[in-house]
C-alpha atoms as a PDB file:
ATOM      1  CA  UNK A   1     154.811 200.455  -2.832  1.00  0.00           C
ATOM      2  CA  UNK A   2     153.267 200.607   0.603  1.00  0.00           C
ATOM      3  CA  UNK A   3     149.752 200.623   2.011  1.00  0.00           C
ATOM      4  CA  UNK A   4     148.902 202.878   4.972  1.00  0.00           C
ATOM      5  CA  UNK A   5     146.737 200.898   7.421  1.00  0.00           C
ATOM      6  CA  UNK A   6     146.049 203.779   9.811  1.00  0.00           C
ATOM      7  CA  UNK A   7     147.915 205.616  12.555  1.00  0.00           C
ATOM      8  CA  UNK A   8     151.622 204.853  12.087  1.00  0.00           C
ATOM      9  CA  UNK A   9     151.263 201.474  10.364  1.00  0.00           C
ATOM     10  CA  UNK A  10     152.261 200.721   6.799  1.00  0.00           C
ATOM     11  CA  UNK A  11     152.986 197.455   4.993  1.00  0.00           C
ATOM     12  CA  UNK A  12     154.565 196.671   1.663  1.00  0.00           C
ATOM     13  CA  UNK A  13     152.153 195.519  -1.053  1.00  0.00           C
ATOM     14  CA  UNK A  14     154.131 192.323  -1.626  1.00  0.00           C
ATOM     15  CA  UNK A  15     153.619 191.313   2.034  1.00  0.00           C
ATOM     16  CA  UNK A  16     149.804 191.525   1.875  1.00  0.00           C
ATOM     17  CA  UNK A  17     148.011 188.189   1.644  1.00  0.00           C
ATOM     18  CA  UNK A  18     144.476 189.506   2.073  1.00  0.00           C
ATOM     19  CA  UNK A  19     142.290 192.378   3.234  1.00  0.00           C
ATOM     20  CA  UNK A  20     139.086 191.334   5.011  1.00  0.00           C
ATOM     21  CA  UNK A  21     135.989 193.077   6.354  1.00  0.00           C
ATOM     22  CA  UNK A  22     135.494 192.252  10.040  1.00  0.00           C
ATOM     23  CA  UNK A  23     131.682 192.417   9.896  1.00  0.00           C
ATOM     24  CA  UNK A  24     131.237 189.979   7.039  1.00  0.00           C
ATOM     25  CA  UNK A  25     134.188 187.636   7.446  1.00  0.00           C
ATOM     26  CA  UNK A  26     133.776 186.924  11.149  1.00  0.00           C
ATOM     27  CA  UNK A  27     130.403 185.314  10.478  1.00  0.00           C
ATOM     28  CA  UNK A  28     132.411 182.198   9.657  1.00  0.00           C
ATOM     29  CA  UNK A  29     133.550 180.109  12.628  1.00  0.00           C
ATOM     30  CA  UNK A  30     136.769 179.256  10.789  1.00  0.00           C
ATOM     31  CA  UNK A  31     137.678 182.946  10.542  1.00  0.00           C
ATOM     32  CA  UNK A  32     136.877 183.580  14.206  1.00  0.00           C
ATOM     33  CA  UNK A  33     139.023 180.575  15.175  1.00  0.00           C
ATOM     34  CA  UNK A  34     141.882 181.836  12.982  1.00  0.00           C
ATOM     35  CA  UNK A  35     141.770 185.278  14.616  1.00  0.00           C
ATOM     36  CA  UNK A  36     141.614 183.791  18.125  1.00  0.00           C
ATOM     37  CA  UNK A  37     144.624 181.573  17.403  1.00  0.00           C
ATOM     38  CA  UNK A  38     146.580 184.500  15.937  1.00  0.00           C
ATOM     39  CA  UNK A  39     145.751 186.544  19.061  1.00  0.00           C
ATOM     40  CA  UNK A  40     146.924 183.750  21.391  1.00  0.00           C
ATOM     41  CA  UNK A  41     150.161 183.404  19.408  1.00  0.00           C
ATOM     42  CA  UNK A  42     150.850 187.148  19.587  1.00  0.00           C
ATOM     43  CA  UNK A  43     150.552 187.683  15.842  1.00  0.00           C
ATOM     44  CA  UNK A  44     147.873 190.405  16.001  1.00  0.00           C
ATOM     45  CA  UNK A  45     148.767 194.083  15.763  1.00  0.00           C
ATOM     46  CA  UNK A  46     145.985 196.525  16.624  1.00  0.00           C
ATOM     47  CA  UNK A  47     146.541 199.654  14.560  1.00  0.00           C
ATOM     48  CA  UNK A  48     144.151 201.929  16.469  1.00  0.00           C
ATOM     49  CA  UNK A  49     142.005 201.957  19.589  1.00  0.00           C
ATOM     50  CA  UNK A  50     139.017 202.992  17.437  1.00  0.00           C
ATOM     51  CA  UNK A  51     136.285 200.567  16.358  1.00  0.00           C
ATOM     52  CA  UNK A  52     137.940 198.001  14.046  1.00  0.00           C
ATOM     53  CA  UNK A  53     136.499 197.596  10.553  1.00  0.00           C
ATOM     54  CA  UNK A  54     139.009 195.380   8.787  1.00  0.00           C
ATOM     55  CA  UNK A  55     141.900 193.027   9.237  1.00  0.00           C
ATOM     56  CA  UNK A  56     144.865 192.569   6.950  1.00  0.00           C
ATOM     57  CA  UNK A  57     146.842 189.323   6.822  1.00  0.00           C
ATOM     58  CA  UNK A  58     150.496 189.813   5.871  1.00  0.00           C
ATOM     59  CA  UNK A  59     153.578 187.655   5.501  1.00  0.00           C
ATOM     60  CA  UNK A  60     156.097 188.011   8.290  1.00  0.00           C
ATOM     61  CA  UNK A  61     159.863 187.662   8.110  1.00  0.00           C
ATOM     62  CA  UNK A  62     159.925 184.210   9.707  1.00  0.00           C
ATOM     63  CA  UNK A  63     157.635 182.605   7.143  1.00  0.00           C
ATOM     64  CA  UNK A  64     154.493 183.046   9.249  1.00  0.00           C
ATOM     65  CA  UNK A  65     151.805 185.695   9.165  1.00  0.00           C
ATOM     66  CA  UNK A  66     150.896 188.865  11.027  1.00  0.00           C
ATOM     67  CA  UNK A  67     147.310 190.116  11.341  1.00  0.00           C
ATOM     68  CA  UNK A  68     146.777 193.879  11.442  1.00  0.00           C
ATOM     69  CA  UNK A  69     143.422 195.062  12.804  1.00  0.00           C
ATOM     70  CA  UNK A  70     142.529 198.480  11.381  1.00  0.00           C
ATOM     71  CA  UNK A  71     139.836 201.106  11.856  1.00  0.00           C
ATOM     72  CA  UNK A  72     139.879 201.755   8.103  1.00  0.00           C
ATOM     73  CA  UNK A  73     137.262 200.044   5.937  1.00  0.00           C
ATOM     74  CA  UNK A  74     138.218 197.504   3.300  1.00  0.00           C
ATOM     75  CA  UNK A  75     136.848 199.788   0.566  1.00  0.00           C
ATOM     76  CA  UNK A  76     139.157 202.614   1.634  1.00  0.00           C
ATOM     77  CA  UNK A  77     142.158 200.295   1.917  1.00  0.00           C
ATOM     78  CA  UNK A  78     141.491 198.891  -1.552  1.00  0.00           C
ATOM     79  CA  UNK A  79     141.180 202.413  -2.988  1.00  0.00           C
ATOM     80  CA  UNK A  80     144.477 203.357  -1.355  1.00  0.00           C
ATOM     81  CA  UNK A  81     146.063 200.289  -2.919  1.00  0.00           C
ATOM     82  CA  UNK A  82     144.751 201.283  -6.348  1.00  0.00           C
ATOM     83  CA  UNK A  83     143.011 197.922  -6.668  1.00  0.00           C
ATOM     84  CA  UNK A  84     139.521 199.268  -7.374  1.00  0.00           C
ATOM     85  CA  UNK A  85     140.849 201.642 -10.006  1.00  0.00           C
ATOM     86  CA  UNK A  86     142.474 198.765 -11.856  1.00  0.00           C
ATOM     87  CA  UNK A  87     139.177 196.840 -11.890  1.00  0.00           C
ATOM     88  CA  UNK A  88     137.504 199.611 -13.867  1.00  0.00           C
ATOM     89  CA  UNK A  89     140.007 199.040 -16.679  1.00  0.00           C
ATOM     90  CA  UNK A  90     138.803 195.488 -17.282  1.00  0.00           C
END
């Protein structure tokens, strides 16, 4: 299965490492440093020119990671993935 990240970007579920909210996660210096390093290394893909709300860390083919920056909120991405629906079954 695939997750639509916005615009023309989709990723396979098995490639997703994590989905993070930009507002809450970038409070941490470690997260800001990680995103800066990924940007310098060319591993960041901006999905849309709109205001970013989330970032998605995915496995890449070479064993590294790719960071997608999306205008879609984490709640919407998790709903699209069916993750929230599966939590209600617990």
